[in-house]
Amino acid sequence: MAKSFDELVNRTTSKRTRERAAMRTKELLGELLLSEIRKLAGKSQREVAAALGIKQPSLSKLESQSDMQISTLRRIVAALGGELDVIARFPKGIVRIDQFEERAHHPGRIAPAELHLV
């Protein structure tokens, strides 16, 4: 009987090697282009463009841009079924920025006296 690839990997590699491979896989999945995310979501450019109310060539152009407005990126991510969080990394830690969210700028909101880390 044929063995699965996972069985072969488990039999021929150390636990440490498998853990390092899993960590690297997670890193690589965290570094995807918008077009790769769209494909993993199982959606075509035409489907996402329709959800955004734009034409397919316009989405193609957006997917190849290296810079875009946060609101545009948020709309694309939402059309793919996700949510966008803006995270800033500082030497003292990571901060989630909510200024760009629809619910931001609450009247009477008190600014924190110090940096709150995520």
PDB file of N, CA and C in Angstrom:
ATOM      1  N   MET A   1       0.845  -1.188   0.000  1.00  0.00           N
ATOM      2  CA  MET A   1       0.000   0.000   0.000  1.00  0.00           C
ATOM      3  C   MET A   1       0.888   1.248   0.000  1.00  0.00           C
ATOM      4  N   ALA A   2       0.525   2.238  -0.792  1.00  0.00           N
ATOM      5  CA  ALA A   2       1.306   3.469  -0.907  1.00  0.00           C
ATOM      6  C   ALA A   2       1.183   4.293   0.372  1.00  0.00           C
ATOM      7  N   LYS A   3       2.281   4.926   0.728  1.00  0.00           N
ATOM      8  CA  LYS A   3       2.306   5.797   1.897  1.00  0.00           C
ATOM      9  C   LYS A   3       2.012   7.224   1.449  1.00  0.00           C
ATOM     10  N   SER A   4       1.360   8.003   2.323  1.00  0.00           N
ATOM     11  CA  SER A   4       1.111   9.404   1.995  1.00  0.00           C
ATOM     12  C   SER A   4       2.411  10.195   2.167  1.00  0.00           C
ATOM     13  N   PHE A   5       2.446  11.350   1.550  1.00  0.00           N
ATOM     14  CA  PHE A   5       3.626  12.211   1.673  1.00  0.00           C
ATOM     15  C   PHE A   5       3.856  12.602   3.124  1.00  0.00           C
ATOM     16  N   ASP A   6       2.772  12.907   3.841  1.00  0.00           N
ATOM     17  CA  ASP A   6       2.904  13.279   5.258  1.00  0.00           C
ATOM     18  C   ASP A   6       3.525  12.153   6.072  1.00  0.00           C
ATOM     19  N   GLU A   7       3.126  10.915   5.793  1.00  0.00           N
ATOM     20  CA  GLU A   7       3.718   9.774   6.515  1.00  0.00           C
ATOM     21  C   GLU A   7       5.200   9.661   6.216  1.00  0.00           C
ATOM     22  N   LEU A   8       5.568   9.864   4.973  1.00  0.00           N
ATOM     23  CA  LEU A   8       6.974   9.804   4.573  1.00  0.00           C
ATOM     24  C   LEU A   8       7.780  10.900   5.264  1.00  0.00           C
ATOM     25  N   VAL A   9       7.253  12.114   5.283  1.00  0.00           N
ATOM     26  CA  VAL A   9       7.938  13.230   5.939  1.00  0.00           C
ATOM     27  C   VAL A   9       8.099  12.938   7.425  1.00  0.00           C
ATOM     28  N   ASN A  10       7.048  12.460   8.071  1.00  0.00           N
ATOM     29  CA  ASN A  10       7.113  12.162   9.502  1.00  0.00           C
ATOM     30  C   ASN A  10       8.138  11.062   9.812  1.00  0.00           C
ATOM     31  N   ARG A  11       8.275  10.126   8.912  1.00  0.00           N
ATOM     32  CA  ARG A  11       9.201   9.020   9.134  1.00  0.00           C
ATOM     33  C   ARG A  11      10.653   9.412   8.853  1.00  0.00           C
ATOM     34  N   THR A  12      10.879  10.359   7.943  1.00  0.00           N
ATOM     35  CA  THR A  12      12.251  10.655   7.498  1.00  0.00           C
ATOM     36  C   THR A  12      12.827  11.976   8.008  1.00  0.00           C
ATOM     37  N   THR A  13      12.051  12.754   8.728  1.00  0.00           N
ATOM     38  CA  THR A  13      12.573  14.033   9.237  1.00  0.00           C
ATOM     39  C   THR A  13      12.352  14.131  10.741  1.00  0.00           C
ATOM     40  N   SER A  14      13.162  14.977  11.358  1.00  0.00           N
ATOM     41  CA  SER A  14      13.029  15.174  12.801  1.00  0.00           C
ATOM     42  C   SER A  14      11.859  16.107  13.100  1.00  0.00           C
ATOM     43  N   LYS A  15      11.395  16.054  14.334  1.00  0.00           N
ATOM     44  CA  LYS A  15      10.307  16.940  14.755  1.00  0.00           C
ATOM     45  C   LYS A  15      10.733  18.391  14.594  1.00  0.00           C
ATOM     46  N   ARG A  16      11.978  18.706  14.931  1.00  0.00           N
ATOM     47  CA  ARG A  16      12.500  20.081  14.809  1.00  0.00           C
ATOM     48  C   ARG A  16      12.462  20.543  13.352  1.00  0.00           C
ATOM     49  N   THR A  17      12.844  19.699  12.438  1.00  0.00           N
ATOM     50  CA  THR A  17      12.828  20.040  11.011  1.00  0.00           C
ATOM     51  C   THR A  17      11.395  20.307  10.546  1.00  0.00           C
ATOM     52  N   ARG A  18      10.453  19.467  10.979  1.00  0.00           N
ATOM     53  CA  ARG A  18       9.049  19.672  10.602  1.00  0.00           C
ATOM     54  C   ARG A  18       8.507  20.973  11.182  1.00  0.00           C
ATOM     55  N   GLU A  19       8.898  21.314  12.416  1.00  0.00           N
ATOM     56  CA  GLU A  19       8.454  22.562  13.041  1.00  0.00           C
ATOM     57  C   GLU A  19       9.010  23.764  12.289  1.00  0.00           C
ATOM     58  N   ARG A  20      10.288  23.710  11.896  1.00  0.00           N
ATOM     59  CA  ARG A  20      10.892  24.812  11.136  1.00  0.00           C
ATOM     60  C   ARG A  20      10.213  24.965   9.783  1.00  0.00           C
ATOM     61  N   ALA A  21       9.899  23.859   9.142  1.00  0.00           N
ATOM     62  CA  ALA A  21       9.218  23.900   7.842  1.00  0.00           C
ATOM     63  C   ALA A  21       7.823  24.500   7.994  1.00  0.00           C
ATOM     64  N   ALA A  22       7.122  24.138   9.056  1.00  0.00           N
ATOM     65  CA  ALA A  22       5.781  24.687   9.286  1.00  0.00           C
ATOM     66  C   ALA A  22       5.854  26.186   9.542  1.00  0.00           C
ATOM     67  N   MET A  23       6.872  26.624  10.295  1.00  0.00           N
ATOM     68  CA  MET A  23       7.024  28.049  10.562  1.00  0.00           C
ATOM     69  C   MET A  23       7.330  28.813   9.274  1.00  0.00           C
ATOM     70  N   ARG A  24       8.194  28.267   8.437  1.00  0.00           N
ATOM     71  CA  ARG A  24       8.541  28.923   7.166  1.00  0.00           C
ATOM     72  C   ARG A  24       7.324  28.978   6.235  1.00  0.00           C
ATOM     73  N   THR A  25       6.539  27.924   6.229  1.00  0.00           N
ATOM     74  CA  THR A  25       5.315  27.906   5.425  1.00  0.00           C
ATOM     75  C   THR A  25       4.382  29.017   5.866  1.00  0.00           C
ATOM     76  N   LYS A  26       4.236  29.184   7.176  1.00  0.00           N
ATOM     77  CA  LYS A  26       3.378  30.234   7.708  1.00  0.00           C
ATOM     78  C   LYS A  26       3.901  31.613   7.303  1.00  0.00           C
ATOM     79  N   GLU A  27       5.218  31.807   7.347  1.00  0.00           N
ATOM     80  CA  GLU A  27       5.818  33.084   6.921  1.00  0.00           C
ATOM     81  C   GLU A  27       5.522  33.357   5.458  1.00  0.00           C
ATOM     82  N   LEU A  28       5.714  32.348   4.612  1.00  0.00           N
ATOM     83  CA  LEU A  28       5.493  32.531   3.176  1.00  0.00           C
ATOM     84  C   LEU A  28       4.033  32.829   2.880  1.00  0.00           C
ATOM     85  N   LEU A  29       3.114  32.184   3.597  1.00  0.00           N
ATOM     86  CA  LEU A  29       1.693  32.458   3.382  1.00  0.00           C
ATOM     87  C   LEU A  29       1.327  33.860   3.828  1.00  0.00           C
ATOM     88  N   GLY A  30       2.124  34.444   4.722  1.00  0.00           N
ATOM     89  CA  GLY A  30       1.885  35.806   5.183  1.00  0.00           C
ATOM     90  C   GLY A  30       2.454  36.850   4.256  1.00  0.00           C
ATOM     91  N   GLU A  31       3.069  36.419   3.157  1.00  0.00           N
ATOM     92  CA  GLU A  31       3.714  37.336   2.214  1.00  0.00           C
ATOM     93  C   GLU A  31       3.161  37.143   0.805  1.00  0.00           C
ATOM     94  N   LEU A  32       1.852  37.159   0.680  1.00  0.00           N
ATOM     95  CA  LEU A  32       1.241  36.918  -0.619  1.00  0.00           C
ATOM     96  C   LEU A  32       0.853  38.220  -1.315  1.00  0.00           C
ATOM     97  N   LEU A  33       0.867  38.177  -2.623  1.00  0.00           N
ATOM     98  CA  LEU A  33       0.374  39.276  -3.427  1.00  0.00           C
ATOM     99  C   LEU A  33      -1.152  39.231  -3.435  1.00  0.00           C
ATOM    100  N   LEU A  34      -1.800  40.354  -3.728  1.00  0.00           N
ATOM    101  CA  LEU A  34      -3.261  40.382  -3.795  1.00  0.00           C
ATOM    102  C   LEU A  34      -3.805  39.342  -4.777  1.00  0.00           C
ATOM    103  N   SER A  35      -3.145  39.195  -5.915  1.00  0.00           N
ATOM    104  CA  SER A  35      -3.619  38.223  -6.908  1.00  0.00           C
ATOM    105  C   SER A  35      -3.534  36.799  -6.355  1.00  0.00           C
ATOM    106  N   GLU A  36      -2.504  36.511  -5.566  1.00  0.00           N
ATOM    107  CA  GLU A  36      -2.368  35.183  -4.971  1.00  0.00           C
ATOM    108  C   GLU A  36      -3.451  34.955  -3.907  1.00  0.00           C
ATOM    109  N   ILE A  37      -3.747  35.985  -3.134  1.00  0.00           N
ATOM    110  CA  ILE A  37      -4.805  35.880  -2.125  1.00  0.00           C
ATOM    111  C   ILE A  37      -6.144  35.634  -2.815  1.00  0.00           C
ATOM    112  N   ARG A  38      -6.386  36.366  -3.910  1.00  0.00           N
ATOM    113  CA  ARG A  38      -7.636  36.196  -4.663  1.00  0.00           C
ATOM    114  C   ARG A  38      -7.762  34.763  -5.171  1.00  0.00           C
ATOM    115  N   LYS A  39      -6.684  34.231  -5.717  1.00  0.00           N
ATOM    116  CA  LYS A  39      -6.723  32.860  -6.241  1.00  0.00           C
ATOM    117  C   LYS A  39      -6.958  31.854  -5.120  1.00  0.00           C
ATOM    118  N   LEU A  40      -6.304  32.051  -3.964  1.00  0.00           N
ATOM    119  CA  LEU A  40      -6.516  31.160  -2.826  1.00  0.00           C
ATOM    120  C   LEU A  40      -7.949  31.249  -2.306  1.00  0.00           C
ATOM    121  N   ALA A  41      -8.563  32.426  -2.462  1.00  0.00           N
ATOM    122  CA  ALA A  41      -9.960  32.601  -2.059  1.00  0.00           C
ATOM    123  C   ALA A  41     -10.910  31.966  -3.067  1.00  0.00           C
ATOM    124  N   GLY A  42     -10.359  31.512  -4.201  1.00  0.00           N
ATOM    125  CA  GLY A  42     -11.167  30.837  -5.209  1.00  0.00           C
ATOM    126  C   GLY A  42     -12.017  31.784  -6.038  1.00  0.00           C
ATOM    127  N   LYS A  43     -11.552  33.017  -6.189  1.00  0.00           N
ATOM    128  CA  LYS A  43     -12.335  34.003  -6.943  1.00  0.00           C
ATOM    129  C   LYS A  43     -11.557  34.467  -8.166  1.00  0.00           C
ATOM    130  N   SER A  44     -12.296  34.740  -9.227  1.00  0.00           N
ATOM    131  CA  SER A  44     -11.681  35.264 -10.453  1.00  0.00           C
ATOM    132  C   SER A  44     -11.617  36.787 -10.359  1.00  0.00           C
ATOM    133  N   GLN A  45     -10.805  37.378 -11.220  1.00  0.00           N
ATOM    134  CA  GLN A  45     -10.749  38.845 -11.274  1.00  0.00           C
ATOM    135  C   GLN A  45     -12.119  39.406 -11.621  1.00  0.00           C
ATOM    136  N   ARG A  46     -12.821  38.733 -12.514  1.00  0.00           N
ATOM    137  CA  ARG A  46     -14.143  39.199 -12.944  1.00  0.00           C
ATOM    138  C   ARG A  46     -15.126  39.219 -11.757  1.00  0.00           C
ATOM    139  N   GLU A  47     -15.087  38.181 -10.914  1.00  0.00           N
ATOM    140  CA  GLU A  47     -15.986  38.119  -9.753  1.00  0.00           C
ATOM    141  C   GLU A  47     -15.681  39.227  -8.741  1.00  0.00           C
ATOM    142  N   VAL A  48     -14.409  39.421  -8.456  1.00  0.00           N
ATOM    143  CA  VAL A  48     -14.018  40.441  -7.475  1.00  0.00           C
ATOM    144  C   VAL A  48     -14.312  41.833  -8.025  1.00  0.00           C
ATOM    145  N   ALA A  49     -14.018  42.053  -9.305  1.00  0.00           N
ATOM    146  CA  ALA A  49     -14.294  43.352  -9.927  1.00  0.00           C
ATOM    147  C   ALA A  49     -15.790  43.664  -9.853  1.00  0.00           C
ATOM    148  N   ALA A  50     -16.624  42.672 -10.113  1.00  0.00           N
ATOM    149  CA  ALA A  50     -18.076  42.881 -10.046  1.00  0.00           C
ATOM    150  C   ALA A  50     -18.499  43.254  -8.624  1.00  0.00           C
ATOM    151  N   ALA A  51     -17.912  42.587  -7.624  1.00  0.00           N
ATOM    152  CA  ALA A  51     -18.243  42.896  -6.226  1.00  0.00           C
ATOM    153  C   ALA A  51     -17.818  44.317  -5.861  1.00  0.00           C
ATOM    154  N   LEU A  52     -16.762  44.799  -6.498  1.00  0.00           N
ATOM    155  CA  LEU A  52     -16.257  46.149  -6.237  1.00  0.00           C
ATOM    156  C   LEU A  52     -16.943  47.214  -7.096  1.00  0.00           C
ATOM    157  N   GLY A  53     -17.689  46.781  -8.103  1.00  0.00           N
ATOM    158  CA  GLY A  53     -18.338  47.725  -8.999  1.00  0.00           C
ATOM    159  C   GLY A  53     -17.382  48.359  -9.989  1.00  0.00           C
ATOM    160  N   ILE A  54     -16.324  47.605 -10.347  1.00  0.00           N
ATOM    161  CA  ILE A  54     -15.354  48.089 -11.327  1.00  0.00           C
ATOM    162  C   ILE A  54     -15.213  47.043 -12.429  1.00  0.00           C
ATOM    163  N   LYS A  55     -14.464  47.363 -13.470  1.00  0.00           N
ATOM    164  CA  LYS A  55     -14.241  46.419 -14.559  1.00  0.00           C
ATOM    165  C   LYS A  55     -13.000  45.572 -14.266  1.00  0.00           C
ATOM    166  N   GLN A  56     -12.972  44.389 -14.854  1.00  0.00           N
ATOM    167  CA  GLN A  56     -11.871  43.445 -14.633  1.00  0.00           C
ATOM    168  C   GLN A  56     -10.508  44.040 -14.942  1.00  0.00           C
ATOM    169  N   PRO A  57     -10.308  44.797 -16.038  1.00  0.00           N
ATOM    170  CA  PRO A  57      -8.982  45.379 -16.282  1.00  0.00           C
ATOM    171  C   PRO A  57      -8.546  46.348 -15.168  1.00  0.00           C
ATOM    172  N   SER A  58      -9.510  47.020 -14.554  1.00  0.00           N
ATOM    173  CA  SER A  58      -9.183  47.932 -13.454  1.00  0.00           C
ATOM    174  C   SER A  58      -8.677  47.154 -12.243  1.00  0.00           C
ATOM    175  N   LEU A  59      -9.297  46.006 -11.965  1.00  0.00           N
ATOM    176  CA  LEU A  59      -8.822  45.171 -10.858  1.00  0.00           C
ATOM    177  C   LEU A  59      -7.442  44.621 -11.165  1.00  0.00           C
ATOM    178  N   SER A  60      -7.228  44.220 -12.396  1.00  0.00           N
ATOM    179  CA  SER A  60      -5.917  43.717 -12.798  1.00  0.00           C
ATOM    180  C   SER A  60      -4.837  44.768 -12.530  1.00  0.00           C
ATOM    181  N   LYS A  61      -5.135  46.007 -12.869  1.00  0.00           N
ATOM    182  CA  LYS A  61      -4.201  47.111 -12.635  1.00  0.00           C
ATOM    183  C   LYS A  61      -3.955  47.298 -11.132  1.00  0.00           C
ATOM    184  N   LEU A  62      -5.037  47.260 -10.344  1.00  0.00           N
ATOM    185  CA  LEU A  62      -4.900  47.412  -8.893  1.00  0.00           C
ATOM    186  C   LEU A  62      -4.026  46.302  -8.306  1.00  0.00           C
ATOM    187  N   GLU A  63      -4.221  45.070  -8.770  1.00  0.00           N
ATOM    188  CA  GLU A  63      -3.455  43.940  -8.240  1.00  0.00           C
ATOM    189  C   GLU A  63      -1.965  44.056  -8.536  1.00  0.00           C
ATOM    190  N   SER A  64      -1.610  44.788  -9.582  1.00  0.00           N
ATOM    191  CA  SER A  64      -0.194  44.896  -9.936  1.00  0.00           C
ATOM    192  C   SER A  64       0.469  46.143  -9.359  1.00  0.00           C
ATOM    193  N   GLN A  65      -0.315  47.015  -8.721  1.00  0.00           N
ATOM    194  CA  GLN A  65       0.245  48.237  -8.135  1.00  0.00           C
ATOM    195  C   GLN A  65       1.049  47.913  -6.879  1.00  0.00           C
ATOM    196  N   SER A  66       2.084  48.703  -6.645  1.00  0.00           N
ATOM    197  CA  SER A  66       2.859  48.535  -5.413  1.00  0.00           C
ATOM    198  C   SER A  66       2.406  49.517  -4.338  1.00  0.00           C
ATOM    199  N   ASP A  67       1.468  50.405  -4.687  1.00  0.00           N
ATOM    200  CA  ASP A  67       0.986  51.398  -3.734  1.00  0.00           C
ATOM    201  C   ASP A  67      -0.485  51.688  -4.032  1.00  0.00           C
ATOM    202  N   MET A  68      -1.295  51.790  -2.972  1.00  0.00           N
ATOM    203  CA  MET A  68      -2.700  52.142  -3.158  1.00  0.00           C
ATOM    204  C   MET A  68      -3.241  52.708  -1.858  1.00  0.00           C
ATOM    205  N   GLN A  69      -4.402  53.329  -1.941  1.00  0.00           N
ATOM    206  CA  GLN A  69      -5.027  53.885  -0.753  1.00  0.00           C
ATOM    207  C   GLN A  69      -5.509  52.757   0.153  1.00  0.00           C
ATOM    208  N   ILE A  70      -5.479  53.009   1.449  1.00  0.00           N
ATOM    209  CA  ILE A  70      -5.925  52.012   2.413  1.00  0.00           C
ATOM    210  C   ILE A  70      -7.388  51.665   2.182  1.00  0.00           C
ATOM    211  N   SER A  71      -8.213  52.651   1.837  1.00  0.00           N
ATOM    212  CA  SER A  71      -9.633  52.392   1.606  1.00  0.00           C
ATOM    213  C   SER A  71      -9.837  51.440   0.426  1.00  0.00           C
ATOM    214  N   THR A  72      -9.025  51.571  -0.602  1.00  0.00           N
ATOM    215  CA  THR A  72      -9.110  50.680  -1.762  1.00  0.00           C
ATOM    216  C   THR A  72      -8.709  49.267  -1.371  1.00  0.00           C
ATOM    217  N   LEU A  73      -7.603  49.152  -0.646  1.00  0.00           N
ATOM    218  CA  LEU A  73      -7.145  47.843  -0.198  1.00  0.00           C
ATOM    219  C   LEU A  73      -8.187  47.190   0.709  1.00  0.00           C
ATOM    220  N   ARG A  74      -8.791  47.972   1.594  1.00  0.00           N
ATOM    221  CA  ARG A  74      -9.824  47.447   2.499  1.00  0.00           C
ATOM    222  C   ARG A  74     -11.005  46.903   1.693  1.00  0.00           C
ATOM    223  N   ARG A  75     -11.423  47.607   0.655  1.00  0.00           N
ATOM    224  CA  ARG A  75     -12.541  47.152  -0.184  1.00  0.00           C
ATOM    225  C   ARG A  75     -12.197  45.852  -0.911  1.00  0.00           C
ATOM    226  N   ILE A  76     -10.975  45.740  -1.410  1.00  0.00           N
ATOM    227  CA  ILE A  76     -10.559  44.519  -2.111  1.00  0.00           C
ATOM    228  C   ILE A  76     -10.543  43.344  -1.139  1.00  0.00           C
ATOM    229  N   VAL A  77      -9.951  43.554   0.025  1.00  0.00           N
ATOM    230  CA  VAL A  77      -9.879  42.485   1.028  1.00  0.00           C
ATOM    231  C   VAL A  77     -11.287  42.053   1.443  1.00  0.00           C
ATOM    232  N   ALA A  78     -12.187  43.013   1.619  1.00  0.00           N
ATOM    233  CA  ALA A  78     -13.572  42.692   1.981  1.00  0.00           C
ATOM    234  C   ALA A  78     -14.251  41.884   0.870  1.00  0.00           C
ATOM    235  N   ALA A  79     -13.986  42.232  -0.388  1.00  0.00           N
ATOM    236  CA  ALA A  79     -14.570  41.504  -1.516  1.00  0.00           C
ATOM    237  C   ALA A  79     -14.057  40.069  -1.571  1.00  0.00           C
ATOM    238  N   LEU A  80     -12.895  39.834  -0.978  1.00  0.00           N
ATOM    239  CA  LEU A  80     -12.321  38.485  -0.916  1.00  0.00           C
ATOM    240  C   LEU A  80     -12.778  37.739   0.337  1.00  0.00           C
ATOM    241  N   GLY A  81     -13.577  38.415   1.158  1.00  0.00           N
ATOM    242  CA  GLY A  81     -14.102  37.768   2.353  1.00  0.00           C
ATOM    243  C   GLY A  81     -13.280  38.000   3.609  1.00  0.00           C
ATOM    244  N   GLY A  82     -12.350  38.959   3.556  1.00  0.00           N
ATOM    245  CA  GLY A  82     -11.495  39.208   4.714  1.00  0.00           C
ATOM    246  C   GLY A  82     -11.703  40.582   5.320  1.00  0.00           C
ATOM    247  N   GLU A  83     -10.904  40.875   6.311  1.00  0.00           N
ATOM    248  CA  GLU A  83     -10.887  42.182   6.966  1.00  0.00           C
ATOM    249  C   GLU A  83      -9.454  42.683   6.978  1.00  0.00           C
ATOM    250  N   LEU A  84      -9.281  43.979   6.846  1.00  0.00           N
ATOM    251  CA  LEU A  84      -7.948  44.562   6.841  1.00  0.00           C
ATOM    252  C   LEU A  84      -7.667  45.230   8.175  1.00  0.00           C
ATOM    253  N   ASP A  85      -6.531  44.922   8.760  1.00  0.00           N
ATOM    254  CA  ASP A  85      -6.034  45.612   9.950  1.00  0.00           C
ATOM    255  C   ASP A  85      -4.741  46.296   9.567  1.00  0.00           C
ATOM    256  N   VAL A  86      -4.569  47.540  10.010  1.00  0.00           N
ATOM    257  CA  VAL A  86      -3.322  48.261   9.764  1.00  0.00           C
ATOM    258  C   VAL A  86      -2.488  48.150  11.038  1.00  0.00           C
ATOM    259  N   ILE A  87      -1.321  47.556  10.913  1.00  0.00           N
ATOM    260  CA  ILE A  87      -0.436  47.300  12.040  1.00  0.00           C
ATOM    261  C   ILE A  87       0.882  48.036  11.816  1.00  0.00           C
ATOM    262  N   ALA A  88       1.343  48.743  12.848  1.00  0.00           N
ATOM    263  CA  ALA A  88       2.643  49.417  12.794  1.00  0.00           C
ATOM    264  C   ALA A  88       3.578  48.715  13.776  1.00  0.00           C
ATOM    265  N   ARG A  89       4.808  48.458  13.332  1.00  0.00           N
ATOM    266  CA  ARG A  89       5.809  47.808  14.181  1.00  0.00           C
ATOM    267  C   ARG A  89       6.831  48.843  14.634  1.00  0.00           C
ATOM    268  N   PHE A  90       7.018  48.921  15.945  1.00  0.00           N
ATOM    269  CA  PHE A  90       7.975  49.834  16.553  1.00  0.00           C
ATOM    270  C   PHE A  90       8.968  49.021  17.377  1.00  0.00           C
ATOM    271  N   PRO A  91      10.118  49.621  17.707  1.00  0.00           N
ATOM    272  CA  PRO A  91      11.085  48.889  18.535  1.00  0.00           C
ATOM    273  C   PRO A  91      10.490  48.381  19.858  1.00  0.00           C
ATOM    274  N   LYS A  92       9.526  49.112  20.403  1.00  0.00           N
ATOM    275  CA  LYS A  92       8.931  48.702  21.683  1.00  0.00           C
ATOM    276  C   LYS A  92       7.729  47.786  21.527  1.00  0.00           C
ATOM    277  N   GLY A  93       7.278  47.548  20.322  1.00  0.00           N
ATOM    278  CA  GLY A  93       6.154  46.649  20.122  1.00  0.00           C
ATOM    279  C   GLY A  93       5.340  46.972  18.891  1.00  0.00           C
ATOM    280  N   ILE A  94       4.204  46.306  18.786  1.00  0.00           N
ATOM    281  CA  ILE A  94       3.322  46.418  17.627  1.00  0.00           C
ATOM    282  C   ILE A  94       2.049  47.142  18.037  1.00  0.00           C
ATOM    283  N   VAL A  95       1.582  48.061  17.172  1.00  0.00           N
ATOM    284  CA  VAL A  95       0.378  48.835  17.453  1.00  0.00           C
ATOM    285  C   VAL A  95      -0.598  48.685  16.290  1.00  0.00           C
ATOM    286  N   ARG A  96      -1.864  48.440  16.602  1.00  0.00           N
ATOM    287  CA  ARG A  96      -2.915  48.392  15.588  1.00  0.00           C
ATOM    288  C   ARG A  96      -3.466  49.809  15.441  1.00  0.00           C
ATOM    289  N   ILE A  97      -3.477  50.324  14.213  1.00  0.00           N
ATOM    290  CA  ILE A  97      -3.954  51.683  13.940  1.00  0.00           C
ATOM    291  C   ILE A  97      -5.392  51.585  13.440  1.00  0.00           C
ATOM    292  N   ASP A  98      -6.318  52.226  14.165  1.00  0.00           N
ATOM    293  CA  ASP A  98      -7.716  52.151  13.757  1.00  0.00           C
ATOM    294  C   ASP A  98      -8.235  53.460  13.148  1.00  0.00           C
ATOM    295  N   GLN A  99      -7.358  54.379  12.896  1.00  0.00           N
ATOM    296  CA  GLN A  99      -7.728  55.675  12.324  1.00  0.00           C
ATOM    297  C   GLN A  99      -8.445  55.536  10.990  1.00  0.00           C
ATOM    298  N   PHE A 100      -8.150  54.484  10.246  1.00  0.00           N
ATOM    299  CA  PHE A 100      -8.673  54.335   8.893  1.00  0.00           C
ATOM    300  C   PHE A 100      -9.959  53.518   8.846  1.00  0.00           C
ATOM    301  N   GLU A 101     -10.469  53.127   9.992  1.00  0.00           N
ATOM    302  CA  GLU A 101     -11.694  52.340  10.041  1.00  0.00           C
ATOM    303  C   GLU A 101     -12.905  53.268  10.037  1.00  0.00           C
ATOM    304  N   GLU A 102     -14.016  52.762   9.574  1.00  0.00           N
ATOM    305  CA  GLU A 102     -15.237  53.563   9.463  1.00  0.00           C
ATOM    306  C   GLU A 102     -15.702  54.086  10.813  1.00  0.00           C
ATOM    307  N   ARG A 103     -15.467  53.334  11.875  1.00  0.00           N
ATOM    308  CA  ARG A 103     -15.929  53.735  13.193  1.00  0.00           C
ATOM    309  C   ARG A 103     -14.931  54.650  13.909  1.00  0.00           C
ATOM    310  N   ALA A 104     -13.831  54.994  13.280  1.00  0.00           N
ATOM    311  CA  ALA A 104     -12.802  55.833  13.909  1.00  0.00           C
ATOM    312  C   ALA A 104     -13.319  57.259  14.103  1.00  0.00           C
ATOM    313  N   HIS A 105     -12.584  58.056  14.842  1.00  0.00           N
ATOM    314  CA  HIS A 105     -12.892  59.463  15.113  1.00  0.00           C
ATOM    315  C   HIS A 105     -14.172  59.625  15.925  1.00  0.00           C
ATOM    316  N   HIS A 106     -14.278  58.845  16.989  1.00  0.00           N
ATOM    317  CA  HIS A 106     -15.427  58.974  17.887  1.00  0.00           C
ATOM    318  C   HIS A 106     -15.342  60.297  18.633  1.00  0.00           C
ATOM    319  N   PRO A 107     -16.434  61.054  18.683  1.00  0.00           N
ATOM    320  CA  PRO A 107     -16.416  62.287  19.474  1.00  0.00           C
ATOM    321  C   PRO A 107     -16.206  61.938  20.944  1.00  0.00           C
ATOM    322  N   GLY A 108     -15.420  62.737  21.608  1.00  0.00           N
ATOM    323  CA  GLY A 108     -15.166  62.520  23.024  1.00  0.00           C
ATOM    324  C   GLY A 108     -14.156  61.432  23.313  1.00  0.00           C
ATOM    325  N   ARG A 109     -13.561  60.872  22.279  1.00  0.00           N
ATOM    326  CA  ARG A 109     -12.563  59.824  22.486  1.00  0.00           C
ATOM    327  C   ARG A 109     -11.322  60.439  23.098  1.00  0.00           C
ATOM    328  N   ILE A 110     -10.834  59.829  24.148  1.00  0.00           N
ATOM    329  CA  ILE A 110      -9.659  60.340  24.848  1.00  0.00           C
ATOM    330  C   ILE A 110      -8.426  59.606  24.331  1.00  0.00           C
ATOM    331  N   ALA A 111      -7.442  60.384  23.900  1.00  0.00           N
ATOM    332  CA  ALA A 111      -6.204  59.781  23.412  1.00  0.00           C
ATOM    333  C   ALA A 111      -5.438  59.168  24.577  1.00  0.00           C
ATOM    334  N   PRO A 112      -4.841  57.990  24.380  1.00  0.00           N
ATOM    335  CA  PRO A 112      -4.088  57.372  25.459  1.00  0.00           C
ATOM    336  C   PRO A 112      -2.855  58.185  25.817  1.00  0.00           C
ATOM    337  N   ALA A 113      -2.468  58.135  27.076  1.00  0.00           N
ATOM    338  CA  ALA A 113      -1.293  58.873  27.554  1.00  0.00           C
ATOM    339  C   ALA A 113      -0.002  58.173  27.153  1.00  0.00           C
ATOM    340  N   GLU A 114      -0.104  56.892  26.831  1.00  0.00           N
ATOM    341  CA  GLU A 114       1.084  56.155  26.414  1.00  0.00           C
ATOM    342  C   GLU A 114       0.715  55.190  25.300  1.00  0.00           C
ATOM    343  N   LEU A 115       1.720  54.598  24.702  1.00  0.00           N
ATOM    344  CA  LEU A 115       1.536  53.676  23.593  1.00  0.00           C
ATOM    345  C   LEU A 115       0.992  52.354  24.108  1.00  0.00           C
ATOM    346  N   HIS A 116      -0.138  51.909  23.556  1.00  0.00           N
ATOM    347  CA  HIS A 116      -0.699  50.600  23.919  1.00  0.00           C
ATOM    348  C   HIS A 116      -0.354  49.623  22.824  1.00  0.00           C
ATOM    349  N   LEU A 117       0.286  48.553  23.186  1.00  0.00           N
ATOM    350  CA  LEU A 117       0.773  47.588  22.222  1.00  0.00           C
ATOM    351  C   LEU A 117      -0.228  46.472  21.994  1.00  0.00           C
ATOM    352  N   VAL A 118      -0.228  45.952  20.777  1.00  0.00           N
ATOM    353  CA  VAL A 118      -1.099  44.837  20.414  1.00  0.00           C
ATOM    354  C   VAL A 118      -0.520  43.567  20.981  1.00  0.00           C
TER     355      VAL A 118
END
